[in-house]
Amino acid sequence: MINVKKVAHQIKFDGMYNTVYTQVQESLNKENPTLEEIEELLNRDEYFVSEYKELNRYGELSSVHAKKLEIKDSDTSEIKELKTELNKNVQKLRNLENFEVDSKNSAYSIWIGSVGVMVIFMVHNIIALFSELYTTHGALVYTSYVIILLFSYWGYKKVKNNHERQHEKYKILHLDTRKLIQSGLENNYFTYEEMYEGI
């Protein structure tokens, strides 16, 4: 749901995307490519759009450039229905945007593993400083550490599986929304400018 014109403009003029712009310059073999040349490259090579979206994710910026469509009194019931559906889908896409990529390269294992290790460390310090449990009930203490590790692993699997479910939802919703937008544009229910944020 990106506006290629906006992406091209941001890559060329917004310092946040300097790394992508450098790659674009190298790919086009031009020091100062035009916006049209950048747009053409973006349409041709998905890599640059992916890099743009990745930077937005790190910067907690949205890459969903679709706007909420205005529903006019003069619209037919079919147009109103399509616009209402699109408005709902665009909002859902924004809500699910963090799940656009799969969990393969996520940091869930690091985050949850760190929490598990930290809990074990705190429990160890409390037991070592304030009790004799290591000498009197050592097996119980070490068993509790194993339980904490198993619980951490269970939490990791749960979060990862949830991410994958949300990712699948996002992919289906994204595809459906693109089809609806295409249909609306082809039938002149709205213009490209009405659908997407400007530069």
N, C-alpha and C. Protein backbone atom coordinates (compact mmCIF):
# COMPACT_ATOMS: atom_id res chain seq x y z
N MET A 1 0.82 -1.19 0.00
CA MET A 1 0.00 0.00 0.00
C MET A 1 0.86 1.25 0.00
N ILE A 2 1.87 1.24 -0.84
CA ILE A 2 2.74 2.41 -0.90
C ILE A 2 2.43 3.26 -2.13
N ASN A 3 2.71 4.53 -2.02
CA ASN A 3 2.64 5.45 -3.15
C ASN A 3 4.07 5.56 -3.69
N VAL A 4 4.30 4.97 -4.87
CA VAL A 4 5.65 4.91 -5.43
C VAL A 4 6.22 6.31 -5.62
N LYS A 5 5.39 7.26 -5.99
CA LYS A 5 5.86 8.64 -6.18
C LYS A 5 6.39 9.20 -4.85
N LYS A 6 5.66 8.94 -3.77
CA LYS A 6 6.09 9.42 -2.45
C LYS A 6 7.39 8.74 -2.04
N VAL A 7 7.49 7.43 -2.27
CA VAL A 7 8.69 6.69 -1.91
C VAL A 7 9.89 7.24 -2.67
N ALA A 8 9.73 7.45 -3.98
CA ALA A 8 10.82 7.98 -4.81
C ALA A 8 11.26 9.35 -4.29
N HIS A 9 10.29 10.20 -3.96
CA HIS A 9 10.59 11.55 -3.45
C HIS A 9 11.34 11.48 -2.12
N GLN A 10 10.88 10.60 -1.22
CA GLN A 10 11.54 10.49 0.09
C GLN A 10 12.95 9.92 -0.06
N ILE A 11 13.12 8.92 -0.93
CA ILE A 11 14.45 8.35 -1.13
C ILE A 11 15.42 9.40 -1.64
N LYS A 12 14.95 10.23 -2.55
CA LYS A 12 15.84 11.24 -3.15
C LYS A 12 16.12 12.42 -2.21
N PHE A 13 15.11 12.86 -1.47
CA PHE A 13 15.26 14.11 -0.73
C PHE A 13 15.29 13.99 0.80
N ASP A 14 14.89 12.85 1.36
CA ASP A 14 14.85 12.70 2.81
C ASP A 14 16.12 11.99 3.28
N GLY A 15 16.87 12.63 4.14
CA GLY A 15 18.15 12.09 4.62
C GLY A 15 18.04 10.74 5.32
N MET A 16 16.87 10.42 5.82
CA MET A 16 16.68 9.14 6.51
C MET A 16 16.94 7.96 5.56
N TYR A 17 16.74 8.19 4.27
CA TYR A 17 16.85 7.11 3.28
C TYR A 17 18.14 7.20 2.46
N ASN A 18 19.17 7.87 3.01
CA ASN A 18 20.43 8.05 2.28
C ASN A 18 21.06 6.73 1.82
N THR A 19 20.98 5.71 2.67
CA THR A 19 21.59 4.43 2.29
C THR A 19 20.87 3.84 1.08
N VAL A 20 19.55 3.96 1.06
CA VAL A 20 18.79 3.45 -0.10
C VAL A 20 19.10 4.29 -1.33
N TYR A 21 19.19 5.61 -1.14
CA TYR A 21 19.49 6.50 -2.26
C TYR A 21 20.85 6.17 -2.87
N THR A 22 21.82 5.89 -2.02
CA THR A 22 23.15 5.51 -2.51
C THR A 22 23.07 4.24 -3.35
N GLN A 23 22.29 3.28 -2.88
CA GLN A 23 22.11 2.03 -3.63
C GLN A 23 21.39 2.28 -4.96
N VAL A 24 20.42 3.19 -4.93
CA VAL A 24 19.70 3.55 -6.16
C VAL A 24 20.67 4.18 -7.16
N GLN A 25 21.52 5.11 -6.68
CA GLN A 25 22.51 5.76 -7.55
C GLN A 25 23.44 4.71 -8.18
N GLU A 26 23.88 3.77 -7.36
CA GLU A 26 24.76 2.73 -7.89
C GLU A 26 24.05 1.84 -8.90
N SER A 27 22.80 1.50 -8.60
CA SER A 27 22.04 0.63 -9.49
C SER A 27 21.77 1.30 -10.84
N LEU A 28 21.45 2.60 -10.78
CA LEU A 28 21.18 3.35 -12.02
C LEU A 28 22.45 3.88 -12.67
N ASN A 29 23.56 3.79 -11.93
CA ASN A 29 24.84 4.30 -12.41
C ASN A 29 24.75 5.78 -12.77
N LYS A 30 24.07 6.53 -11.87
CA LYS A 30 23.90 7.97 -12.06
C LYS A 30 24.10 8.68 -10.74
N GLU A 31 24.77 9.82 -10.78
CA GLU A 31 25.01 10.61 -9.59
C GLU A 31 23.73 11.31 -9.11
N ASN A 32 22.92 11.76 -10.05
CA ASN A 32 21.71 12.51 -9.71
C ASN A 32 20.52 12.00 -10.53
N PRO A 33 19.99 10.81 -10.19
CA PRO A 33 18.86 10.28 -10.96
C PRO A 33 17.60 11.12 -10.77
N THR A 34 16.76 11.15 -11.77
CA THR A 34 15.50 11.89 -11.68
C THR A 34 14.50 11.07 -10.88
N LEU A 35 13.44 11.74 -10.44
CA LEU A 35 12.37 11.04 -9.71
C LEU A 35 11.75 9.95 -10.57
N GLU A 36 11.58 10.24 -11.86
CA GLU A 36 10.99 9.26 -12.78
C GLU A 36 11.86 8.01 -12.89
N GLU A 37 13.17 8.21 -12.95
CA GLU A 37 14.10 7.06 -13.02
C GLU A 37 14.04 6.23 -11.74
N ILE A 38 13.93 6.92 -10.60
CA ILE A 38 13.83 6.20 -9.33
C ILE A 38 12.51 5.43 -9.26
N GLU A 39 11.42 6.07 -9.68
CA GLU A 39 10.11 5.40 -9.69
C GLU A 39 10.16 4.15 -10.56
N GLU A 40 10.76 4.27 -11.72
CA GLU A 40 10.87 3.14 -12.64
C GLU A 40 11.66 2.00 -11.98
N LEU A 41 12.74 2.35 -11.30
CA LEU A 41 13.55 1.34 -10.61
C LEU A 41 12.74 0.68 -9.49
N LEU A 42 11.98 1.47 -8.74
CA LEU A 42 11.17 0.93 -7.65
C LEU A 42 10.12 -0.04 -8.18
N ASN A 43 9.54 0.30 -9.32
CA ASN A 43 8.54 -0.59 -9.93
C ASN A 43 9.18 -1.86 -10.48
N ARG A 44 10.43 -1.75 -10.86
CA ARG A 44 11.13 -2.88 -11.48
C ARG A 44 11.78 -3.80 -10.44
N ASP A 45 12.28 -3.22 -9.35
CA ASP A 45 13.04 -4.00 -8.38
C ASP A 45 12.47 -3.83 -6.97
N GLU A 46 11.87 -4.88 -6.46
CA GLU A 46 11.21 -4.87 -5.15
C GLU A 46 12.19 -4.65 -3.99
N TYR A 47 13.47 -4.90 -4.23
CA TYR A 47 14.49 -4.78 -3.18
C TYR A 47 14.48 -3.39 -2.55
N PHE A 48 14.41 -2.36 -3.36
CA PHE A 48 14.50 -0.98 -2.85
C PHE A 48 13.27 -0.61 -2.02
N VAL A 49 12.11 -1.12 -2.43
CA VAL A 49 10.90 -0.88 -1.65
C VAL A 49 11.01 -1.60 -0.31
N SER A 50 11.56 -2.82 -0.32
CA SER A 50 11.75 -3.57 0.92
C SER A 50 12.68 -2.83 1.87
N GLU A 51 13.76 -2.28 1.32
CA GLU A 51 14.71 -1.52 2.16
C GLU A 51 14.04 -0.27 2.74
N TYR A 52 13.24 0.40 1.92
CA TYR A 52 12.49 1.58 2.36
C TYR A 52 11.58 1.21 3.53
N LYS A 53 10.84 0.11 3.37
CA LYS A 53 9.91 -0.33 4.42
C LYS A 53 10.67 -0.72 5.68
N GLU A 54 11.81 -1.37 5.51
CA GLU A 54 12.62 -1.78 6.66
C GLU A 54 13.07 -0.56 7.47
N LEU A 55 13.52 0.48 6.78
CA LEU A 55 13.92 1.72 7.47
C LEU A 55 12.73 2.34 8.20
N ASN A 56 11.57 2.30 7.57
CA ASN A 56 10.37 2.83 8.22
C ASN A 56 10.02 2.02 9.47
N ARG A 57 10.18 0.70 9.39
CA ARG A 57 9.91 -0.15 10.55
C ARG A 57 10.81 0.23 11.71
N TYR A 58 12.12 0.39 11.43
CA TYR A 58 13.07 0.78 12.47
C TYR A 58 12.74 2.16 13.03
N GLY A 59 12.28 3.05 12.16
CA GLY A 59 11.93 4.40 12.60
C GLY A 59 10.51 4.52 13.11
N GLU A 60 9.80 3.38 13.19
CA GLU A 60 8.41 3.32 13.64
C GLU A 60 7.52 4.26 12.82
N LEU A 61 7.75 4.24 11.50
CA LEU A 61 6.94 5.01 10.56
C LEU A 61 6.12 4.04 9.72
N SER A 62 4.96 4.48 9.30
CA SER A 62 4.09 3.61 8.51
C SER A 62 4.49 3.63 7.04
N SER A 63 4.41 2.44 6.43
CA SER A 63 4.61 2.34 4.98
C SER A 63 3.28 2.13 4.27
N VAL A 64 2.19 2.26 5.02
CA VAL A 64 0.86 2.18 4.41
C VAL A 64 0.47 3.59 4.02
N HIS A 65 0.57 3.89 2.74
CA HIS A 65 0.31 5.24 2.25
C HIS A 65 -1.13 5.46 1.81
N ALA A 66 -1.95 4.43 1.93
CA ALA A 66 -3.36 4.57 1.54
C ALA A 66 -4.07 5.46 2.57
N LYS A 67 -4.97 6.30 2.08
CA LYS A 67 -5.71 7.20 2.95
C LYS A 67 -7.12 6.66 3.19
N LYS A 68 -7.78 7.25 4.17
CA LYS A 68 -9.19 6.94 4.38
C LYS A 68 -9.98 7.68 3.30
N LEU A 69 -10.75 6.92 2.56
CA LEU A 69 -11.52 7.52 1.46
C LEU A 69 -12.76 8.24 1.99
N GLU A 70 -13.04 9.37 1.40
CA GLU A 70 -14.24 10.12 1.77
C GLU A 70 -15.45 9.49 1.09
N ILE A 71 -16.46 9.18 1.88
CA ILE A 71 -17.69 8.61 1.33
C ILE A 71 -18.66 9.77 1.10
N LYS A 72 -18.99 10.00 -0.18
CA LYS A 72 -19.82 11.14 -0.55
C LYS A 72 -21.28 10.74 -0.65
N ASP A 73 -22.15 11.71 -0.46
CA ASP A 73 -23.60 11.46 -0.60
C ASP A 73 -23.94 11.05 -2.03
N SER A 74 -23.18 11.57 -2.99
CA SER A 74 -23.46 11.29 -4.40
C SER A 74 -22.98 9.89 -4.84
N ASP A 75 -22.21 9.21 -3.99
CA ASP A 75 -21.72 7.86 -4.33
C ASP A 75 -22.88 6.87 -4.36
N THR A 76 -22.81 5.95 -5.30
CA THR A 76 -23.80 4.87 -5.34
C THR A 76 -23.55 3.92 -4.17
N SER A 77 -24.52 3.05 -3.92
CA SER A 77 -24.37 2.12 -2.80
C SER A 77 -23.18 1.19 -3.03
N GLU A 78 -22.90 0.84 -4.28
CA GLU A 78 -21.76 -0.03 -4.60
C GLU A 78 -20.44 0.67 -4.27
N ILE A 79 -20.35 1.96 -4.63
CA ILE A 79 -19.13 2.73 -4.34
C ILE A 79 -18.96 2.91 -2.84
N LYS A 80 -20.07 3.23 -2.15
CA LYS A 80 -20.00 3.39 -0.69
C LYS A 80 -19.53 2.10 -0.02
N GLU A 81 -20.04 0.99 -0.50
CA GLU A 81 -19.67 -0.31 0.07
C GLU A 81 -18.18 -0.58 -0.14
N LEU A 82 -17.70 -0.32 -1.35
CA LEU A 82 -16.28 -0.54 -1.66
C LEU A 82 -15.39 0.39 -0.81
N LYS A 83 -15.76 1.65 -0.73
CA LYS A 83 -14.96 2.61 0.05
C LYS A 83 -14.96 2.24 1.54
N THR A 84 -16.10 1.81 2.06
CA THR A 84 -16.19 1.41 3.46
C THR A 84 -15.27 0.22 3.72
N GLU A 85 -15.32 -0.76 2.81
CA GLU A 85 -14.47 -1.95 2.94
C GLU A 85 -12.99 -1.57 2.87
N LEU A 86 -12.64 -0.68 1.94
CA LEU A 86 -11.25 -0.23 1.82
C LEU A 86 -10.79 0.50 3.07
N ASN A 87 -11.63 1.37 3.60
CA ASN A 87 -11.27 2.12 4.81
C ASN A 87 -11.00 1.16 5.98
N LYS A 88 -11.83 0.13 6.11
CA LYS A 88 -11.62 -0.87 7.18
C LYS A 88 -10.30 -1.61 6.95
N ASN A 89 -10.08 -2.04 5.71
CA ASN A 89 -8.87 -2.80 5.39
C ASN A 89 -7.60 -1.99 5.62
N VAL A 90 -7.63 -0.73 5.23
CA VAL A 90 -6.44 0.13 5.40
C VAL A 90 -6.11 0.28 6.87
N GLN A 91 -7.13 0.46 7.70
CA GLN A 91 -6.88 0.57 9.15
C GLN A 91 -6.33 -0.73 9.71
N LYS A 92 -6.88 -1.86 9.26
CA LYS A 92 -6.37 -3.17 9.72
C LYS A 92 -4.93 -3.37 9.28
N LEU A 93 -4.61 -2.95 8.04
CA LEU A 93 -3.23 -3.07 7.56
C LEU A 93 -2.28 -2.25 8.42
N ARG A 94 -2.70 -1.06 8.80
CA ARG A 94 -1.86 -0.24 9.69
C ARG A 94 -1.65 -0.94 11.03
N ASN A 95 -2.72 -1.55 11.54
CA ASN A 95 -2.63 -2.24 12.83
C ASN A 95 -1.72 -3.47 12.76
N LEU A 96 -1.69 -4.12 11.60
CA LEU A 96 -0.91 -5.35 11.44
C LEU A 96 0.45 -5.11 10.78
N GLU A 97 0.80 -3.87 10.57
CA GLU A 97 2.00 -3.55 9.78
C GLU A 97 3.28 -4.17 10.34
N ASN A 98 3.36 -4.32 11.66
CA ASN A 98 4.56 -4.93 12.25
C ASN A 98 4.72 -6.40 11.87
N PHE A 99 3.65 -6.98 11.34
CA PHE A 99 3.68 -8.39 10.96
C PHE A 99 3.83 -8.57 9.45
N GLU A 100 4.22 -7.51 8.75
CA GLU A 100 4.37 -7.60 7.30
C GLU A 100 5.43 -8.62 6.92
N VAL A 101 6.51 -8.68 7.68
CA VAL A 101 7.57 -9.66 7.41
C VAL A 101 7.40 -10.83 8.37
N ASP A 102 7.87 -12.01 7.94
CA ASP A 102 7.73 -13.18 8.81
C ASP A 102 8.68 -13.08 10.00
N SER A 103 8.57 -14.04 10.90
CA SER A 103 9.33 -13.96 12.16
C SER A 103 10.74 -14.53 12.05
N LYS A 104 11.15 -14.90 10.83
CA LYS A 104 12.46 -15.53 10.64
C LYS A 104 13.61 -14.72 11.24
N ASN A 105 13.63 -13.43 10.97
CA ASN A 105 14.73 -12.59 11.43
C ASN A 105 14.37 -11.74 12.64
N SER A 106 13.34 -12.16 13.37
CA SER A 106 12.92 -11.37 14.53
C SER A 106 13.86 -11.61 15.71
N ALA A 107 13.74 -10.75 16.68
CA ALA A 107 14.60 -10.84 17.87
C ALA A 107 13.87 -11.50 19.04
N TYR A 108 12.78 -12.21 18.76
CA TYR A 108 12.01 -12.84 19.84
C TYR A 108 12.87 -13.75 20.70
N SER A 109 13.70 -14.56 20.05
CA SER A 109 14.52 -15.51 20.81
C SER A 109 15.47 -14.76 21.76
N ILE A 110 16.01 -13.65 21.28
CA ILE A 110 16.94 -12.86 22.11
C ILE A 110 16.19 -12.22 23.28
N TRP A 111 15.04 -11.60 22.98
CA TRP A 111 14.29 -10.92 24.04
C TRP A 111 13.83 -11.90 25.11
N ILE A 112 13.18 -12.97 24.67
CA ILE A 112 12.61 -13.91 25.63
C ILE A 112 13.72 -14.69 26.34
N GLY A 113 14.77 -15.06 25.60
CA GLY A 113 15.92 -15.73 26.22
C GLY A 113 16.56 -14.86 27.27
N SER A 114 16.69 -13.57 26.98
CA SER A 114 17.29 -12.64 27.95
C SER A 114 16.45 -12.55 29.21
N VAL A 115 15.13 -12.52 29.05
CA VAL A 115 14.24 -12.47 30.21
C VAL A 115 14.41 -13.73 31.05
N GLY A 116 14.44 -14.89 30.38
CA GLY A 116 14.62 -16.15 31.10
C GLY A 116 15.92 -16.19 31.88
N VAL A 117 17.01 -15.78 31.24
CA VAL A 117 18.31 -15.77 31.91
C VAL A 117 18.31 -14.78 33.07
N MET A 118 17.69 -13.63 32.87
CA MET A 118 17.63 -12.61 33.93
C MET A 118 16.84 -13.12 35.14
N VAL A 119 15.74 -13.83 34.88
CA VAL A 119 14.95 -14.38 36.00
C VAL A 119 15.78 -15.41 36.76
N ILE A 120 16.48 -16.29 36.03
CA ILE A 120 17.34 -17.28 36.69
C ILE A 120 18.41 -16.58 37.52
N PHE A 121 19.01 -15.53 36.97
CA PHE A 121 20.06 -14.79 37.67
C PHE A 121 19.52 -14.17 38.97
N MET A 122 18.31 -13.58 38.89
CA MET A 122 17.73 -12.97 40.09
C MET A 122 17.40 -14.03 41.14
N VAL A 123 16.80 -15.15 40.69
CA VAL A 123 16.46 -16.22 41.62
C VAL A 123 17.74 -16.76 42.28
N HIS A 124 18.77 -16.96 41.46
CA HIS A 124 20.06 -17.44 42.00
C HIS A 124 20.59 -16.50 43.08
N ASN A 125 20.59 -15.20 42.79
CA ASN A 125 21.11 -14.22 43.77
C ASN A 125 20.31 -14.23 45.06
N ILE A 126 19.00 -14.31 44.96
CA ILE A 126 18.16 -14.32 46.17
C ILE A 126 18.44 -15.57 47.00
N ILE A 127 18.51 -16.72 46.30
CA ILE A 127 18.76 -17.98 47.02
C ILE A 127 20.16 -17.99 47.63
N ALA A 128 21.15 -17.56 46.85
CA ALA A 128 22.53 -17.57 47.34
C ALA A 128 22.74 -16.61 48.50
N LEU A 129 22.08 -15.46 48.47
CA LEU A 129 22.30 -14.45 49.51
C LEU A 129 21.47 -14.67 50.77
N PHE A 130 20.25 -15.20 50.61
CA PHE A 130 19.33 -15.22 51.75
C PHE A 130 18.91 -16.62 52.21
N SER A 131 19.52 -17.67 51.65
CA SER A 131 19.11 -19.00 52.11
C SER A 131 20.24 -20.01 51.96
N GLU A 132 19.97 -21.18 52.42
CA GLU A 132 20.91 -22.30 52.32
C GLU A 132 20.38 -23.36 51.35
N LEU A 133 19.48 -22.98 50.48
CA LEU A 133 18.81 -23.95 49.61
C LEU A 133 19.78 -24.69 48.69
N TYR A 134 20.87 -24.06 48.29
CA TYR A 134 21.83 -24.75 47.42
C TYR A 134 22.42 -25.98 48.12
N THR A 135 22.61 -25.89 49.42
CA THR A 135 23.19 -27.03 50.15
C THR A 135 22.11 -28.00 50.62
N THR A 136 20.93 -27.48 50.97
CA THR A 136 19.88 -28.36 51.51
C THR A 136 18.96 -28.94 50.44
N HIS A 137 18.65 -28.18 49.42
CA HIS A 137 17.72 -28.63 48.37
C HIS A 137 18.24 -28.25 46.97
N GLY A 138 19.47 -28.60 46.69
CA GLY A 138 20.11 -28.24 45.42
C GLY A 138 19.36 -28.72 44.19
N ALA A 139 18.87 -29.96 44.24
CA ALA A 139 18.14 -30.52 43.08
C ALA A 139 16.88 -29.70 42.79
N LEU A 140 16.20 -29.27 43.84
CA LEU A 140 14.99 -28.47 43.68
C LEU A 140 15.31 -27.12 43.03
N VAL A 141 16.41 -26.51 43.45
CA VAL A 141 16.82 -25.22 42.90
C VAL A 141 17.12 -25.36 41.40
N TYR A 142 17.91 -26.39 41.06
CA TYR A 142 18.27 -26.56 39.64
C TYR A 142 17.06 -26.97 38.80
N THR A 143 16.15 -27.71 39.40
CA THR A 143 14.91 -28.06 38.70
C THR A 143 14.09 -26.80 38.41
N SER A 144 14.08 -25.87 39.36
CA SER A 144 13.34 -24.61 39.13
C SER A 144 13.95 -23.82 37.97
N TYR A 145 15.28 -23.90 37.81
CA TYR A 145 15.93 -23.22 36.69
C TYR A 145 15.50 -23.85 35.36
N VAL A 146 15.42 -25.17 35.35
CA VAL A 146 14.98 -25.88 34.14
C VAL A 146 13.53 -25.49 33.82
N ILE A 147 12.70 -25.38 34.84
CA ILE A 147 11.29 -24.98 34.63
C ILE A 147 11.24 -23.57 34.04
N ILE A 148 12.06 -22.67 34.56
CA ILE A 148 12.10 -21.30 34.03
C ILE A 148 12.52 -21.32 32.56
N LEU A 149 13.53 -22.12 32.22
CA LEU A 149 13.97 -22.23 30.82
C LEU A 149 12.88 -22.80 29.92
N LEU A 150 12.19 -23.84 30.41
CA LEU A 150 11.09 -24.44 29.64
C LEU A 150 9.96 -23.43 29.43
N PHE A 151 9.65 -22.66 30.48
CA PHE A 151 8.62 -21.64 30.38
C PHE A 151 9.03 -20.57 29.37
N SER A 152 10.31 -20.19 29.37
CA SER A 152 10.82 -19.20 28.41
C SER A 152 10.68 -19.73 26.98
N TYR A 153 11.04 -21.00 26.79
CA TYR A 153 10.92 -21.60 25.45
C TYR A 153 9.47 -21.65 25.01
N TRP A 154 8.57 -22.02 25.93
CA TRP A 154 7.14 -22.06 25.62
C TRP A 154 6.65 -20.65 25.21
N GLY A 155 7.08 -19.63 25.97
CA GLY A 155 6.70 -18.25 25.65
C GLY A 155 7.22 -17.84 24.28
N TYR A 156 8.45 -18.23 23.97
CA TYR A 156 9.04 -17.92 22.66
C TYR A 156 8.21 -18.55 21.54
N LYS A 157 7.87 -19.83 21.68
CA LYS A 157 7.09 -20.52 20.65
C LYS A 157 5.72 -19.88 20.48
N LYS A 158 5.12 -19.49 21.59
CA LYS A 158 3.79 -18.87 21.55
C LYS A 158 3.84 -17.53 20.80
N VAL A 159 4.82 -16.71 21.13
CA VAL A 159 4.96 -15.40 20.47
C VAL A 159 5.29 -15.58 18.98
N LYS A 160 6.17 -16.51 18.67
CA LYS A 160 6.56 -16.77 17.28
C LYS A 160 5.37 -17.26 16.46
N ASN A 161 4.60 -18.20 17.03
CA ASN A 161 3.42 -18.72 16.32
C ASN A 161 2.39 -17.63 16.10
N ASN A 162 2.21 -16.77 17.11
CA ASN A 162 1.28 -15.65 16.96
C ASN A 162 1.74 -14.73 15.83
N HIS A 163 3.04 -14.46 15.78
CA HIS A 163 3.57 -13.60 14.72
C HIS A 163 3.28 -14.22 13.35
N GLU A 164 3.49 -15.50 13.21
CA GLU A 164 3.25 -16.16 11.93
C GLU A 164 1.77 -16.11 11.54
N ARG A 165 0.87 -16.29 12.51
CA ARG A 165 -0.57 -16.18 12.22
C ARG A 165 -0.93 -14.77 11.75
N GLN A 166 -0.39 -13.76 12.47
CA GLN A 166 -0.68 -12.38 12.09
C GLN A 166 -0.06 -12.05 10.73
N HIS A 167 1.11 -12.62 10.44
CA HIS A 167 1.77 -12.41 9.15
C HIS A 167 0.90 -12.96 8.01
N GLU A 168 0.34 -14.14 8.21
CA GLU A 168 -0.55 -14.73 7.19
C GLU A 168 -1.79 -13.86 6.99
N LYS A 169 -2.34 -13.36 8.10
CA LYS A 169 -3.50 -12.45 8.01
C LYS A 169 -3.14 -11.22 7.19
N TYR A 170 -1.96 -10.65 7.50
CA TYR A 170 -1.52 -9.45 6.80
C TYR A 170 -1.40 -9.71 5.30
N LYS A 171 -0.78 -10.82 4.93
CA LYS A 171 -0.57 -11.13 3.51
C LYS A 171 -1.90 -11.23 2.76
N ILE A 172 -2.86 -11.94 3.36
CA ILE A 172 -4.18 -12.12 2.72
C ILE A 172 -4.89 -10.78 2.62
N LEU A 173 -4.88 -10.01 3.71
CA LEU A 173 -5.54 -8.71 3.73
C LEU A 173 -4.90 -7.75 2.72
N HIS A 174 -3.58 -7.78 2.64
CA HIS A 174 -2.86 -6.91 1.70
C HIS A 174 -3.26 -7.24 0.26
N LEU A 175 -3.32 -8.51 -0.06
CA LEU A 175 -3.70 -8.95 -1.41
C LEU A 175 -5.14 -8.54 -1.72
N ASP A 176 -6.05 -8.79 -0.79
CA ASP A 176 -7.46 -8.42 -0.98
C ASP A 176 -7.62 -6.91 -1.17
N THR A 177 -6.89 -6.14 -0.36
CA THR A 177 -7.00 -4.68 -0.43
C THR A 177 -6.46 -4.17 -1.77
N ARG A 178 -5.36 -4.74 -2.24
CA ARG A 178 -4.82 -4.34 -3.55
C ARG A 178 -5.83 -4.58 -4.66
N LYS A 179 -6.52 -5.72 -4.58
CA LYS A 179 -7.55 -6.04 -5.59
C LYS A 179 -8.69 -5.02 -5.54
N LEU A 180 -9.11 -4.68 -4.32
CA LEU A 180 -10.19 -3.70 -4.16
C LEU A 180 -9.77 -2.33 -4.71
N ILE A 181 -8.54 -1.94 -4.42
CA ILE A 181 -8.04 -0.64 -4.92
C ILE A 181 -8.00 -0.67 -6.45
N GLN A 182 -7.48 -1.75 -7.00
CA GLN A 182 -7.39 -1.87 -8.45
C GLN A 182 -8.78 -1.77 -9.09
N SER A 183 -9.74 -2.46 -8.49
CA SER A 183 -11.12 -2.42 -8.99
C SER A 183 -11.69 -1.01 -8.91
N GLY A 184 -11.47 -0.34 -7.78
CA GLY A 184 -11.97 1.02 -7.60
C GLY A 184 -11.36 2.00 -8.59
N LEU A 185 -10.06 1.86 -8.84
CA LEU A 185 -9.38 2.75 -9.79
C LEU A 185 -9.85 2.47 -11.22
N GLU A 186 -9.98 1.19 -11.58
CA GLU A 186 -10.41 0.84 -12.93
C GLU A 186 -11.84 1.31 -13.22
N ASN A 187 -12.70 1.27 -12.19
CA ASN A 187 -14.10 1.69 -12.38
C ASN A 187 -14.32 3.17 -12.11
N ASN A 188 -13.21 3.91 -11.85
CA ASN A 188 -13.28 5.36 -11.59
C ASN A 188 -14.15 5.70 -10.38
N TYR A 189 -14.11 4.84 -9.36
CA TYR A 189 -14.84 5.13 -8.12
C TYR A 189 -14.10 6.19 -7.31
N PHE A 190 -12.80 6.26 -7.50
CA PHE A 190 -11.95 7.26 -6.85
C PHE A 190 -10.68 7.36 -7.68
N THR A 191 -9.91 8.42 -7.41
CA THR A 191 -8.67 8.63 -8.15
C THR A 191 -7.48 8.12 -7.33
N TYR A 192 -6.34 8.01 -7.98
CA TYR A 192 -5.11 7.60 -7.32
C TYR A 192 -4.78 8.59 -6.20
N GLU A 193 -4.98 9.88 -6.46
CA GLU A 193 -4.68 10.93 -5.48
C GLU A 193 -5.61 10.84 -4.27
N GLU A 194 -6.87 10.43 -4.49
CA GLU A 194 -7.79 10.28 -3.37
C GLU A 194 -7.43 9.08 -2.50
N MET A 195 -6.82 8.06 -3.15
CA MET A 195 -6.50 6.82 -2.43
C MET A 195 -5.20 6.90 -1.65
N TYR A 196 -4.20 7.58 -2.23
CA TYR A 196 -2.87 7.57 -1.62
C TYR A 196 -2.42 8.94 -1.12
N GLU A 197 -1.64 8.90 -0.03
CA GLU A 197 -1.04 10.12 0.50
C GLU A 197 -0.14 10.74 -0.55
N GLY A 198 -0.12 12.05 -0.58
CA GLY A 198 0.75 12.75 -1.52
C GLY A 198 2.17 12.87 -0.99
N ILE A 199 2.99 13.53 -1.76
CA ILE A 199 4.40 13.73 -1.40
C ILE A 199 4.46 14.69 -0.23
